[in-house]
Amino acid sequence: MRVTRTAALVLSLVLFLMGASTLVAAQEEQTWEAHVTDDMCAKEHMMDGMTDPECAIACVEMGAALALFVEADDAVYAVDDQEKVTEFAGQDVTVTGVLSEDKTTVTVHSIEAR
């Protein structure tokens, strides 16, 4: 009987560690080349006569949130901390961070203009 309990404990520990390693892999830091946009216009700014930065800032003033458009993924990602991206509104950037499990939000670790 003791061998069965030990085997069950070892198996449980192995399964736990496998699950933990999967979670860590899902939250691995990545780097993207992106365009800081807003979640209203997203991939293409739509206000006539405005530059990308002017349009993004105007949209934010109307209630939109800044976001990252990653052309390589053809995706727009929310940003966890608006303050980290505000000065880059309408610009091309290189972003390093972690993509959420549901692949909708980037936790920005660093950002710099390209």
PDB file of N, CA and C in Angstrom:
ATOM      1  N   MET A   1       0.821  -1.191   0.000  1.00  0.00           N
ATOM      2  CA  MET A   1       0.000   0.000   0.000  1.00  0.00           C
ATOM      3  C   MET A   1       0.868   1.258   0.000  1.00  0.00           C
ATOM      4  N   ARG A   2       1.970   1.240   0.678  1.00  0.00           N
ATOM      5  CA  ARG A   2       2.848   2.395   0.777  1.00  0.00           C
ATOM      6  C   ARG A   2       3.432   2.767  -0.585  1.00  0.00           C
ATOM      7  N   VAL A   3       3.757   1.800  -1.407  1.00  0.00           N
ATOM      8  CA  VAL A   3       4.298   2.074  -2.730  1.00  0.00           C
ATOM      9  C   VAL A   3       3.274   2.830  -3.575  1.00  0.00           C
ATOM     10  N   THR A   4       2.027   2.491  -3.474  1.00  0.00           N
ATOM     11  CA  THR A   4       0.975   3.151  -4.235  1.00  0.00           C
ATOM     12  C   THR A   4       0.855   4.624  -3.840  1.00  0.00           C
ATOM     13  N   ARG A   5       0.903   4.912  -2.558  1.00  0.00           N
ATOM     14  CA  ARG A   5       0.826   6.296  -2.101  1.00  0.00           C
ATOM     15  C   ARG A   5       2.038   7.084  -2.575  1.00  0.00           C
ATOM     16  N   THR A   6       3.203   6.485  -2.509  1.00  0.00           N
ATOM     17  CA  THR A   6       4.422   7.153  -2.963  1.00  0.00           C
ATOM     18  C   THR A   6       4.348   7.406  -4.460  1.00  0.00           C
ATOM     19  N   ALA A   7       3.906   6.420  -5.218  1.00  0.00           N
ATOM     20  CA  ALA A   7       3.777   6.583  -6.667  1.00  0.00           C
ATOM     21  C   ALA A   7       2.774   7.686  -6.999  1.00  0.00           C
ATOM     22  N   ALA A   8       1.671   7.733  -6.270  1.00  0.00           N
ATOM     23  CA  ALA A   8       0.662   8.771  -6.502  1.00  0.00           C
ATOM     24  C   ALA A   8       1.216  10.155  -6.177  1.00  0.00           C
ATOM     25  N   LEU A   9       2.006  10.250  -5.109  1.00  0.00           N
ATOM     26  CA  LEU A   9       2.611  11.526  -4.731  1.00  0.00           C
ATOM     27  C   LEU A   9       3.604  11.987  -5.798  1.00  0.00           C
ATOM     28  N   VAL A  10       4.438  11.077  -6.283  1.00  0.00           N
ATOM     29  CA  VAL A  10       5.416  11.412  -7.318  1.00  0.00           C
ATOM     30  C   VAL A  10       4.702  11.834  -8.599  1.00  0.00           C
ATOM     31  N   LEU A  11       3.687  11.105  -8.995  1.00  0.00           N
ATOM     32  CA  LEU A  11       2.929  11.437 -10.192  1.00  0.00           C
ATOM     33  C   LEU A  11       2.278  12.816 -10.049  1.00  0.00           C
ATOM     34  N   SER A  12       1.700  13.103  -8.903  1.00  0.00           N
ATOM     35  CA  SER A  12       1.086  14.419  -8.661  1.00  0.00           C
ATOM     36  C   SER A  12       2.119  15.532  -8.766  1.00  0.00           C
ATOM     37  N   LEU A  13       3.292  15.313  -8.201  1.00  0.00           N
ATOM     38  CA  LEU A  13       4.355  16.306  -8.255  1.00  0.00           C
ATOM     39  C   LEU A  13       4.809  16.536  -9.693  1.00  0.00           C
ATOM     40  N   VAL A  14       4.972  15.483 -10.468  1.00  0.00           N
ATOM     41  CA  VAL A  14       5.382  15.603 -11.870  1.00  0.00           C
ATOM     42  C   VAL A  14       4.335  16.388 -12.660  1.00  0.00           C
ATOM     43  N   LEU A  15       3.069  16.072 -12.479  1.00  0.00           N
ATOM     44  CA  LEU A  15       2.000  16.781 -13.186  1.00  0.00           C
ATOM     45  C   LEU A  15       1.955  18.254 -12.785  1.00  0.00           C
ATOM     46  N   PHE A  16       2.168  18.544 -11.514  1.00  0.00           N
ATOM     47  CA  PHE A  16       2.198  19.929 -11.050  1.00  0.00           C
ATOM     48  C   PHE A  16       3.338  20.693 -11.717  1.00  0.00           C
ATOM     49  N   LEU A  17       4.512  20.105 -11.755  1.00  0.00           N
ATOM     50  CA  LEU A  17       5.663  20.769 -12.359  1.00  0.00           C
ATOM     51  C   LEU A  17       5.472  20.968 -13.858  1.00  0.00           C
ATOM     52  N   MET A  18       4.844  20.022 -14.537  1.00  0.00           N
ATOM     53  CA  MET A  18       4.567  20.181 -15.960  1.00  0.00           C
ATOM     54  C   MET A  18       3.613  21.350 -16.181  1.00  0.00           C
ATOM     55  N   GLY A  19       2.595  21.477 -15.351  1.00  0.00           N
ATOM     56  CA  GLY A  19       1.651  22.586 -15.464  1.00  0.00           C
ATOM     57  C   GLY A  19       2.323  23.914 -15.185  1.00  0.00           C
ATOM     58  N   ALA A  20       3.188  23.956 -14.200  1.00  0.00           N
ATOM     59  CA  ALA A  20       3.899  25.189 -13.862  1.00  0.00           C
ATOM     60  C   ALA A  20       4.827  25.609 -14.993  1.00  0.00           C
ATOM     61  N   SER A  21       5.497  24.658 -15.621  1.00  0.00           N
ATOM     62  CA  SER A  21       6.405  25.010 -16.719  1.00  0.00           C
ATOM     63  C   SER A  21       5.627  25.516 -17.928  1.00  0.00           C
ATOM     64  N   THR A  22       4.429  25.004 -18.160  1.00  0.00           N
ATOM     65  CA  THR A  22       3.589  25.490 -19.250  1.00  0.00           C
ATOM     66  C   THR A  22       3.164  26.925 -18.983  1.00  0.00           C
ATOM     67  N   LEU A  23       2.807  27.238 -17.751  1.00  0.00           N
ATOM     68  CA  LEU A  23       2.411  28.591 -17.395  1.00  0.00           C
ATOM     69  C   LEU A  23       3.566  29.562 -17.583  1.00  0.00           C
ATOM     70  N   VAL A  24       4.758  29.189 -17.180  1.00  0.00           N
ATOM     71  CA  VAL A  24       5.930  30.040 -17.342  1.00  0.00           C
ATOM     72  C   VAL A  24       6.207  30.261 -18.826  1.00  0.00           C
ATOM     73  N   ALA A  25       6.095  29.238 -19.649  1.00  0.00           N
ATOM     74  CA  ALA A  25       6.339  29.377 -21.086  1.00  0.00           C
ATOM     75  C   ALA A  25       5.322  30.319 -21.718  1.00  0.00           C
ATOM     76  N   ALA A  26       4.081  30.269 -21.253  1.00  0.00           N
ATOM     77  CA  ALA A  26       3.042  31.127 -21.814  1.00  0.00           C
ATOM     78  C   ALA A  26       3.290  32.594 -21.476  1.00  0.00           C
ATOM     79  N   GLN A  27       4.011  32.847 -20.408  1.00  0.00           N
ATOM     80  CA  GLN A  27       4.258  34.215 -19.983  1.00  0.00           C
ATOM     81  C   GLN A  27       5.696  34.643 -20.275  1.00  0.00           C
ATOM     82  N   GLU A  28       6.278  34.078 -21.288  1.00  0.00           N
ATOM     83  CA  GLU A  28       7.654  34.399 -21.664  1.00  0.00           C
ATOM     84  C   GLU A  28       7.737  35.788 -22.296  1.00  0.00           C
ATOM     85  N   GLU A  29       8.772  36.518 -21.951  1.00  0.00           N
ATOM     86  CA  GLU A  29       8.971  37.852 -22.508  1.00  0.00           C
ATOM     87  C   GLU A  29       9.222  37.763 -24.014  1.00  0.00           C
ATOM     88  N   GLN A  30       8.627  38.706 -24.756  1.00  0.00           N
ATOM     89  CA  GLN A  30       8.754  38.756 -26.208  1.00  0.00           C
ATOM     90  C   GLN A  30       9.091  40.185 -26.626  1.00  0.00           C
ATOM     91  N   THR A  31       9.523  40.329 -27.875  1.00  0.00           N
ATOM     92  CA  THR A  31       9.781  41.647 -28.432  1.00  0.00           C
ATOM     93  C   THR A  31       8.996  41.780 -29.729  1.00  0.00           C
ATOM     94  N   TRP A  32       8.344  42.942 -29.895  1.00  0.00           N
ATOM     95  CA  TRP A  32       7.564  43.223 -31.090  1.00  0.00           C
ATOM     96  C   TRP A  32       7.985  44.548 -31.700  1.00  0.00           C
ATOM     97  N   GLU A  33       7.883  44.641 -33.010  1.00  0.00           N
ATOM     98  CA  GLU A  33       7.939  45.931 -33.694  1.00  0.00           C
ATOM     99  C   GLU A  33       6.479  46.310 -33.873  1.00  0.00           C
ATOM    100  N   ALA A  34       6.116  47.482 -33.356  1.00  0.00           N
ATOM    101  CA  ALA A  34       4.703  47.859 -33.320  1.00  0.00           C
ATOM    102  C   ALA A  34       4.530  49.333 -33.639  1.00  0.00           C
ATOM    103  N   HIS A  35       3.286  49.701 -33.802  1.00  0.00           N
ATOM    104  CA  HIS A  35       2.904  51.105 -33.974  1.00  0.00           C
ATOM    105  C   HIS A  35       1.969  51.430 -32.818  1.00  0.00           C
ATOM    106  N   VAL A  36       2.272  52.492 -32.070  1.00  0.00           N
ATOM    107  CA  VAL A  36       1.394  52.887 -30.977  1.00  0.00           C
ATOM    108  C   VAL A  36       0.213  53.629 -31.592  1.00  0.00           C
ATOM    109  N   THR A  37      -0.943  53.052 -31.438  1.00  0.00           N
ATOM    110  CA  THR A  37      -2.171  53.570 -32.014  1.00  0.00           C
ATOM    111  C   THR A  37      -3.192  53.721 -30.905  1.00  0.00           C
ATOM    112  N   ASP A  38      -4.424  53.883 -31.254  1.00  0.00           N
ATOM    113  CA  ASP A  38      -5.490  53.898 -30.249  1.00  0.00           C
ATOM    114  C   ASP A  38      -6.472  52.794 -30.607  1.00  0.00           C
ATOM    115  N   ASP A  39      -7.227  52.348 -29.631  1.00  0.00           N
ATOM    116  CA  ASP A  39      -8.125  51.223 -29.885  1.00  0.00           C
ATOM    117  C   ASP A  39      -9.402  51.613 -30.623  1.00  0.00           C
ATOM    118  N   MET A  40      -9.571  52.903 -30.923  1.00  0.00           N
ATOM    119  CA  MET A  40     -10.709  53.338 -31.730  1.00  0.00           C
ATOM    120  C   MET A  40     -10.348  53.228 -33.219  1.00  0.00           C
ATOM    121  N   CYS A  41      -9.215  53.796 -33.606  1.00  0.00           N
ATOM    122  CA  CYS A  41      -8.784  53.745 -35.015  1.00  0.00           C
ATOM    123  C   CYS A  41      -8.066  52.437 -35.329  1.00  0.00           C
ATOM    124  N   ALA A  42      -7.364  51.917 -34.358  1.00  0.00           N
ATOM    125  CA  ALA A  42      -6.640  50.656 -34.459  1.00  0.00           C
ATOM    126  C   ALA A  42      -5.572  50.651 -35.551  1.00  0.00           C
ATOM    127  N   LYS A  43      -5.825  49.975 -36.663  1.00  0.00           N
ATOM    128  CA  LYS A  43      -4.791  49.782 -37.689  1.00  0.00           C
ATOM    129  C   LYS A  43      -4.548  50.999 -38.569  1.00  0.00           C
ATOM    130  N   GLU A  44      -5.529  51.864 -38.691  1.00  0.00           N
ATOM    131  CA  GLU A  44      -5.381  53.001 -39.596  1.00  0.00           C
ATOM    132  C   GLU A  44      -6.081  54.221 -39.025  1.00  0.00           C
ATOM    133  N   HIS A  45      -5.321  55.291 -38.849  1.00  0.00           N
ATOM    134  CA  HIS A  45      -5.909  56.521 -38.312  1.00  0.00           C
ATOM    135  C   HIS A  45      -6.863  57.121 -39.336  1.00  0.00           C
ATOM    136  N   MET A  46      -7.996  57.616 -38.856  1.00  0.00           N
ATOM    137  CA  MET A  46      -9.065  58.012 -39.755  1.00  0.00           C
ATOM    138  C   MET A  46      -9.416  59.491 -39.753  1.00  0.00           C
ATOM    139  N   MET A  47      -8.788  60.291 -38.934  1.00  0.00           N
ATOM    140  CA  MET A  47      -9.130  61.716 -38.896  1.00  0.00           C
ATOM    141  C   MET A  47      -8.357  62.468 -39.974  1.00  0.00           C
ATOM    142  N   ASP A  48      -9.102  63.045 -40.904  1.00  0.00           N
ATOM    143  CA  ASP A  48      -8.488  63.783 -42.011  1.00  0.00           C
ATOM    144  C   ASP A  48      -7.689  64.976 -41.497  1.00  0.00           C
ATOM    145  N   GLY A  49      -6.553  65.199 -42.135  1.00  0.00           N
ATOM    146  CA  GLY A  49      -5.737  66.363 -41.832  1.00  0.00           C
ATOM    147  C   GLY A  49      -4.902  66.253 -40.578  1.00  0.00           C
ATOM    148  N   MET A  50      -4.883  65.085 -39.948  1.00  0.00           N
ATOM    149  CA  MET A  50      -4.093  64.904 -38.730  1.00  0.00           C
ATOM    150  C   MET A  50      -2.985  63.891 -38.972  1.00  0.00           C
ATOM    151  N   THR A  51      -1.865  64.103 -38.325  1.00  0.00           N
ATOM    152  CA  THR A  51      -0.795  63.113 -38.350  1.00  0.00           C
ATOM    153  C   THR A  51      -1.204  61.951 -37.441  1.00  0.00           C
ATOM    154  N   ASP A  52      -0.491  60.848 -37.533  1.00  0.00           N
ATOM    155  CA  ASP A  52      -0.794  59.705 -36.657  1.00  0.00           C
ATOM    156  C   ASP A  52      -0.737  60.089 -35.180  1.00  0.00           C
ATOM    157  N   PRO A  53       0.316  60.801 -34.738  1.00  0.00           N
ATOM    158  CA  PRO A  53       0.337  61.184 -33.318  1.00  0.00           C
ATOM    159  C   PRO A  53      -0.849  62.079 -32.931  1.00  0.00           C
ATOM    160  N   GLU A  54      -1.189  63.046 -33.771  1.00  0.00           N
ATOM    161  CA  GLU A  54      -2.312  63.938 -33.469  1.00  0.00           C
ATOM    162  C   GLU A  54      -3.623  63.163 -33.380  1.00  0.00           C
ATOM    163  N   CYS A  55      -3.821  62.238 -34.311  1.00  0.00           N
ATOM    164  CA  CYS A  55      -5.046  61.439 -34.337  1.00  0.00           C
ATOM    165  C   CYS A  55      -5.135  60.551 -33.098  1.00  0.00           C
ATOM    166  N   ALA A  56      -4.047  59.875 -32.756  1.00  0.00           N
ATOM    167  CA  ALA A  56      -4.056  58.990 -31.584  1.00  0.00           C
ATOM    168  C   ALA A  56      -4.368  59.781 -30.319  1.00  0.00           C
ATOM    169  N   ILE A  57      -3.747  60.945 -30.183  1.00  0.00           N
ATOM    170  CA  ILE A  57      -3.979  61.770 -28.990  1.00  0.00           C
ATOM    171  C   ILE A  57      -5.422  62.276 -28.965  1.00  0.00           C
ATOM    172  N   ALA A  58      -5.947  62.706 -30.112  1.00  0.00           N
ATOM    173  CA  ALA A  58      -7.333  63.164 -30.181  1.00  0.00           C
ATOM    174  C   ALA A  58      -8.299  62.042 -29.802  1.00  0.00           C
ATOM    175  N   CYS A  59      -8.030  60.832 -30.287  1.00  0.00           N
ATOM    176  CA  CYS A  59      -8.898  59.696 -29.957  1.00  0.00           C
ATOM    177  C   CYS A  59      -8.847  59.384 -28.460  1.00  0.00           C
ATOM    178  N   VAL A  60      -7.661  59.465 -27.873  1.00  0.00           N
ATOM    179  CA  VAL A  60      -7.530  59.233 -26.434  1.00  0.00           C
ATOM    180  C   VAL A  60      -8.318  60.292 -25.666  1.00  0.00           C
ATOM    181  N   GLU A  61      -8.260  61.529 -26.120  1.00  0.00           N
ATOM    182  CA  GLU A  61      -9.025  62.598 -25.467  1.00  0.00           C
ATOM    183  C   GLU A  61     -10.528  62.364 -25.563  1.00  0.00           C
ATOM    184  N   MET A  62     -10.951  61.583 -26.583  1.00  0.00           N
ATOM    185  CA  MET A  62     -12.375  61.253 -26.736  1.00  0.00           C
ATOM    186  C   MET A  62     -12.746  59.937 -26.046  1.00  0.00           C
ATOM    187  N   GLY A  63     -11.785  59.346 -25.315  1.00  0.00           N
ATOM    188  CA  GLY A  63     -12.103  58.152 -24.538  1.00  0.00           C
ATOM    189  C   GLY A  63     -11.450  56.862 -24.987  1.00  0.00           C
ATOM    190  N   ALA A  64     -10.724  56.877 -26.089  1.00  0.00           N
ATOM    191  CA  ALA A  64     -10.039  55.660 -26.539  1.00  0.00           C
ATOM    192  C   ALA A  64      -8.834  55.391 -25.637  1.00  0.00           C
ATOM    193  N   ALA A  65      -8.301  54.199 -25.723  1.00  0.00           N
ATOM    194  CA  ALA A  65      -7.076  53.830 -25.006  1.00  0.00           C
ATOM    195  C   ALA A  65      -5.984  53.592 -26.035  1.00  0.00           C
ATOM    196  N   LEU A  66      -4.756  53.871 -25.658  1.00  0.00           N
ATOM    197  CA  LEU A  66      -3.647  53.568 -26.558  1.00  0.00           C
ATOM    198  C   LEU A  66      -3.473  52.059 -26.640  1.00  0.00           C
ATOM    199  N   ALA A  67      -2.984  51.601 -27.778  1.00  0.00           N
ATOM    200  CA  ALA A  67      -2.822  50.177 -28.033  1.00  0.00           C
ATOM    201  C   ALA A  67      -1.617  49.993 -28.948  1.00  0.00           C
ATOM    202  N   LEU A  68      -1.255  48.744 -29.187  1.00  0.00           N
ATOM    203  CA  LEU A  68      -0.140  48.420 -30.071  1.00  0.00           C
ATOM    204  C   LEU A  68      -0.663  47.680 -31.294  1.00  0.00           C
ATOM    205  N   PHE A  69      -0.355  48.198 -32.474  1.00  0.00           N
ATOM    206  CA  PHE A  69      -0.663  47.477 -33.704  1.00  0.00           C
ATOM    207  C   PHE A  69       0.618  46.786 -34.135  1.00  0.00           C
ATOM    208  N   VAL A  70       0.576  45.459 -34.188  1.00  0.00           N
ATOM    209  CA  VAL A  70       1.727  44.660 -34.607  1.00  0.00           C
ATOM    210  C   VAL A  70       1.392  44.093 -35.978  1.00  0.00           C
ATOM    211  N   GLU A  71       1.998  44.681 -37.010  1.00  0.00           N
ATOM    212  CA  GLU A  71       1.686  44.283 -38.381  1.00  0.00           C
ATOM    213  C   GLU A  71       2.030  42.820 -38.629  1.00  0.00           C
ATOM    214  N   ALA A  72       3.132  42.349 -38.073  1.00  0.00           N
ATOM    215  CA  ALA A  72       3.551  40.953 -38.288  1.00  0.00           C
ATOM    216  C   ALA A  72       2.498  39.965 -37.794  1.00  0.00           C
ATOM    217  N   ASP A  73       1.754  40.321 -36.759  1.00  0.00           N
ATOM    218  CA  ASP A  73       0.682  39.468 -36.214  1.00  0.00           C
ATOM    219  C   ASP A  73      -0.683  39.851 -36.772  1.00  0.00           C
ATOM    220  N   ASP A  74      -0.745  40.981 -37.516  1.00  0.00           N
ATOM    221  CA  ASP A  74      -2.005  41.569 -37.950  1.00  0.00           C
ATOM    222  C   ASP A  74      -2.961  41.660 -36.763  1.00  0.00           C
ATOM    223  N   ALA A  75      -2.425  42.213 -35.650  1.00  0.00           N
ATOM    224  CA  ALA A  75      -3.201  42.263 -34.412  1.00  0.00           C
ATOM    225  C   ALA A  75      -3.013  43.601 -33.710  1.00  0.00           C
ATOM    226  N   VAL A  76      -4.046  43.991 -32.993  1.00  0.00           N
ATOM    227  CA  VAL A  76      -3.994  45.164 -32.132  1.00  0.00           C
ATOM    228  C   VAL A  76      -4.094  44.643 -30.702  1.00  0.00           C
ATOM    229  N   TYR A  77      -3.101  44.991 -29.879  1.00  0.00           N
ATOM    230  CA  TYR A  77      -3.051  44.533 -28.496  1.00  0.00           C
ATOM    231  C   TYR A  77      -3.288  45.702 -27.548  1.00  0.00           C
ATOM    232  N   ALA A  78      -4.091  45.483 -26.528  1.00  0.00           N
ATOM    233  CA  ALA A  78      -4.253  46.461 -25.458  1.00  0.00           C
ATOM    234  C   ALA A  78      -2.931  46.553 -24.706  1.00  0.00           C
ATOM    235  N   VAL A  79      -2.766  47.638 -23.964  1.00  0.00           N
ATOM    236  CA  VAL A  79      -1.552  47.860 -23.183  1.00  0.00           C
ATOM    237  C   VAL A  79      -1.958  47.956 -21.719  1.00  0.00           C
ATOM    238  N   ASP A  80      -1.228  47.270 -20.852  1.00  0.00           N
ATOM    239  CA  ASP A  80      -1.597  47.233 -19.438  1.00  0.00           C
ATOM    240  C   ASP A  80      -1.382  48.556 -18.714  1.00  0.00           C
ATOM    241  N   ASP A  81      -0.451  49.387 -19.183  1.00  0.00           N
ATOM    242  CA  ASP A  81      -0.119  50.633 -18.500  1.00  0.00           C
ATOM    243  C   ASP A  81      -0.012  51.751 -19.532  1.00  0.00           C
ATOM    244  N   GLN A  82      -1.043  52.567 -19.628  1.00  0.00           N
ATOM    245  CA  GLN A  82      -1.104  53.634 -20.628  1.00  0.00           C
ATOM    246  C   GLN A  82       0.056  54.623 -20.493  1.00  0.00           C
ATOM    247  N   GLU A  83       0.503  54.890 -19.280  1.00  0.00           N
ATOM    248  CA  GLU A  83       1.583  55.852 -19.063  1.00  0.00           C
ATOM    249  C   GLU A  83       2.875  55.441 -19.765  1.00  0.00           C
ATOM    250  N   LYS A  84       3.103  54.151 -19.886  1.00  0.00           N
ATOM    251  CA  LYS A  84       4.338  53.673 -20.518  1.00  0.00           C
ATOM    252  C   LYS A  84       4.385  53.959 -22.014  1.00  0.00           C
ATOM    253  N   VAL A  85       3.226  54.105 -22.655  1.00  0.00           N
ATOM    254  CA  VAL A  85       3.197  54.290 -24.110  1.00  0.00           C
ATOM    255  C   VAL A  85       2.760  55.679 -24.558  1.00  0.00           C
ATOM    256  N   THR A  86       2.302  56.512 -23.634  1.00  0.00           N
ATOM    257  CA  THR A  86       1.736  57.816 -23.988  1.00  0.00           C
ATOM    258  C   THR A  86       2.673  58.669 -24.831  1.00  0.00           C
ATOM    259  N   GLU A  87       3.932  58.764 -24.457  1.00  0.00           N
ATOM    260  CA  GLU A  87       4.859  59.628 -25.201  1.00  0.00           C
ATOM    261  C   GLU A  87       5.165  59.099 -26.602  1.00  0.00           C
ATOM    262  N   PHE A  88       4.759  57.859 -26.896  1.00  0.00           N
ATOM    263  CA  PHE A  88       5.026  57.249 -28.200  1.00  0.00           C
ATOM    264  C   PHE A  88       3.781  57.199 -29.089  1.00  0.00           C
ATOM    265  N   ALA A  89       2.713  57.890 -28.708  1.00  0.00           N
ATOM    266  CA  ALA A  89       1.465  57.864 -29.472  1.00  0.00           C
ATOM    267  C   ALA A  89       1.723  58.199 -30.937  1.00  0.00           C
ATOM    268  N   GLY A  90       1.272  57.321 -31.837  1.00  0.00           N
ATOM    269  CA  GLY A  90       1.409  57.539 -33.270  1.00  0.00           C
ATOM    270  C   GLY A  90       2.776  57.208 -33.833  1.00  0.00           C
ATOM    271  N   GLN A  91       3.647  56.601 -33.033  1.00  0.00           N
ATOM    272  CA  GLN A  91       5.007  56.301 -33.481  1.00  0.00           C
ATOM    273  C   GLN A  91       5.241  54.797 -33.633  1.00  0.00           C
ATOM    274  N   ASP A  92       6.257  54.473 -34.448  1.00  0.00           N
ATOM    275  CA  ASP A  92       6.727  53.095 -34.554  1.00  0.00           C
ATOM    276  C   ASP A  92       7.696  52.845 -33.408  1.00  0.00           C
ATOM    277  N   VAL A  93       7.532  51.697 -32.756  1.00  0.00           N
ATOM    278  CA  VAL A  93       8.323  51.389 -31.573  1.00  0.00           C
ATOM    279  C   VAL A  93       8.777  49.934 -31.578  1.00  0.00           C
ATOM    280  N   THR A  94       9.734  49.661 -30.720  1.00  0.00           N
ATOM    281  CA  THR A  94      10.107  48.297 -30.377  1.00  0.00           C
ATOM    282  C   THR A  94       9.694  48.105 -28.929  1.00  0.00           C
ATOM    283  N   VAL A  95       8.872  47.092 -28.687  1.00  0.00           N
ATOM    284  CA  VAL A  95       8.314  46.842 -27.363  1.00  0.00           C
ATOM    285  C   VAL A  95       8.763  45.473 -26.880  1.00  0.00           C
ATOM    286  N   THR A  96       9.178  45.423 -25.635  1.00  0.00           N
ATOM    287  CA  THR A  96       9.483  44.148 -24.989  1.00  0.00           C
ATOM    288  C   THR A  96       8.519  44.000 -23.828  1.00  0.00           C
ATOM    289  N   GLY A  97       7.919  42.814 -23.737  1.00  0.00           N
ATOM    290  CA  GLY A  97       6.955  42.583 -22.666  1.00  0.00           C
ATOM    291  C   GLY A  97       6.395  41.185 -22.719  1.00  0.00           C
ATOM    292  N   VAL A  98       5.271  41.009 -22.062  1.00  0.00           N
ATOM    293  CA  VAL A  98       4.627  39.701 -21.960  1.00  0.00           C
ATOM    294  C   VAL A  98       3.197  39.815 -22.476  1.00  0.00           C
ATOM    295  N   LEU A  99       2.824  38.894 -23.338  1.00  0.00           N
ATOM    296  CA  LEU A  99       1.468  38.836 -23.872  1.00  0.00           C
ATOM    297  C   LEU A  99       0.607  38.011 -22.919  1.00  0.00           C
ATOM    298  N   SER A 100      -0.574  38.534 -22.611  1.00  0.00           N
ATOM    299  CA  SER A 100      -1.477  37.834 -21.697  1.00  0.00           C
ATOM    300  C   SER A 100      -1.860  36.469 -22.254  1.00  0.00           C
ATOM    301  N   GLU A 101      -2.324  35.604 -21.363  1.00  0.00           N
ATOM    302  CA  GLU A 101      -2.716  34.253 -21.773  1.00  0.00           C
ATOM    303  C   GLU A 101      -3.787  34.274 -22.856  1.00  0.00           C
ATOM    304  N   ASP A 102      -4.709  35.236 -22.775  1.00  0.00           N
ATOM    305  CA  ASP A 102      -5.771  35.305 -23.785  1.00  0.00           C
ATOM    306  C   ASP A 102      -5.340  36.062 -25.042  1.00  0.00           C
ATOM    307  N   LYS A 103      -4.069  36.446 -25.086  1.00  0.00           N
ATOM    308  CA  LYS A 103      -3.441  37.082 -26.254  1.00  0.00           C
ATOM    309  C   LYS A 103      -4.121  38.397 -26.661  1.00  0.00           C
ATOM    310  N   THR A 104      -4.530  39.188 -25.657  1.00  0.00           N
ATOM    311  CA  THR A 104      -5.177  40.458 -25.953  1.00  0.00           C
ATOM    312  C   THR A 104      -4.424  41.668 -25.405  1.00  0.00           C
ATOM    313  N   THR A 105      -3.576  41.460 -24.389  1.00  0.00           N
ATOM    314  CA  THR A 105      -2.956  42.578 -23.686  1.00  0.00           C
ATOM    315  C   THR A 105      -1.461  42.342 -23.495  1.00  0.00           C
ATOM    316  N   VAL A 106      -0.685  43.399 -23.728  1.00  0.00           N
ATOM    317  CA  VAL A 106       0.760  43.337 -23.512  1.00  0.00           C
ATOM    318  C   VAL A 106       1.099  44.062 -22.220  1.00  0.00           C
ATOM    319  N   THR A 107       1.834  43.387 -21.359  1.00  0.00           N
ATOM    320  CA  THR A 107       2.439  44.018 -20.190  1.00  0.00           C
ATOM    321  C   THR A 107       3.787  44.526 -20.663  1.00  0.00           C
ATOM    322  N   VAL A 108       3.921  45.837 -20.779  1.00  0.00           N
ATOM    323  CA  VAL A 108       5.110  46.451 -21.355  1.00  0.00           C
ATOM    324  C   VAL A 108       6.230  46.509 -20.322  1.00  0.00           C
ATOM    325  N   HIS A 109       7.372  45.912 -20.679  1.00  0.00           N
ATOM    326  CA  HIS A 109       8.557  46.000 -19.821  1.00  0.00           C
ATOM    327  C   HIS A 109       9.462  47.138 -20.290  1.00  0.00           C
ATOM    328  N   SER A 110       9.596  47.295 -21.612  1.00  0.00           N
ATOM    329  CA  SER A 110      10.381  48.401 -22.151  1.00  0.00           C
ATOM    330  C   SER A 110       9.816  48.782 -23.519  1.00  0.00           C
ATOM    331  N   ILE A 111      10.042  50.048 -23.878  1.00  0.00           N
ATOM    332  CA  ILE A 111       9.570  50.547 -25.168  1.00  0.00           C
ATOM    333  C   ILE A 111      10.530  51.627 -25.623  1.00  0.00           C
ATOM    334  N   GLU A 112      10.837  51.615 -26.919  1.00  0.00           N
ATOM    335  CA  GLU A 112      11.685  52.672 -27.490  1.00  0.00           C
ATOM    336  C   GLU A 112      11.263  52.936 -28.923  1.00  0.00           C
ATOM    337  N   ALA A 113      11.422  54.178 -29.338  1.00  0.00           N
ATOM    338  CA  ALA A 113      11.064  54.570 -30.707  1.00  0.00           C
ATOM    339  C   ALA A 113      12.012  53.900 -31.696  1.00  0.00           C
ATOM    340  N   ARG A 114      11.477  53.583 -32.885  1.00  0.00           N
ATOM    341  CA  ARG A 114      12.321  53.012 -33.953  1.00  0.00           C
ATOM    342  C   ARG A 114      12.682  54.095 -34.928  1.00  0.00           C
TER     343      ARG A 114
END
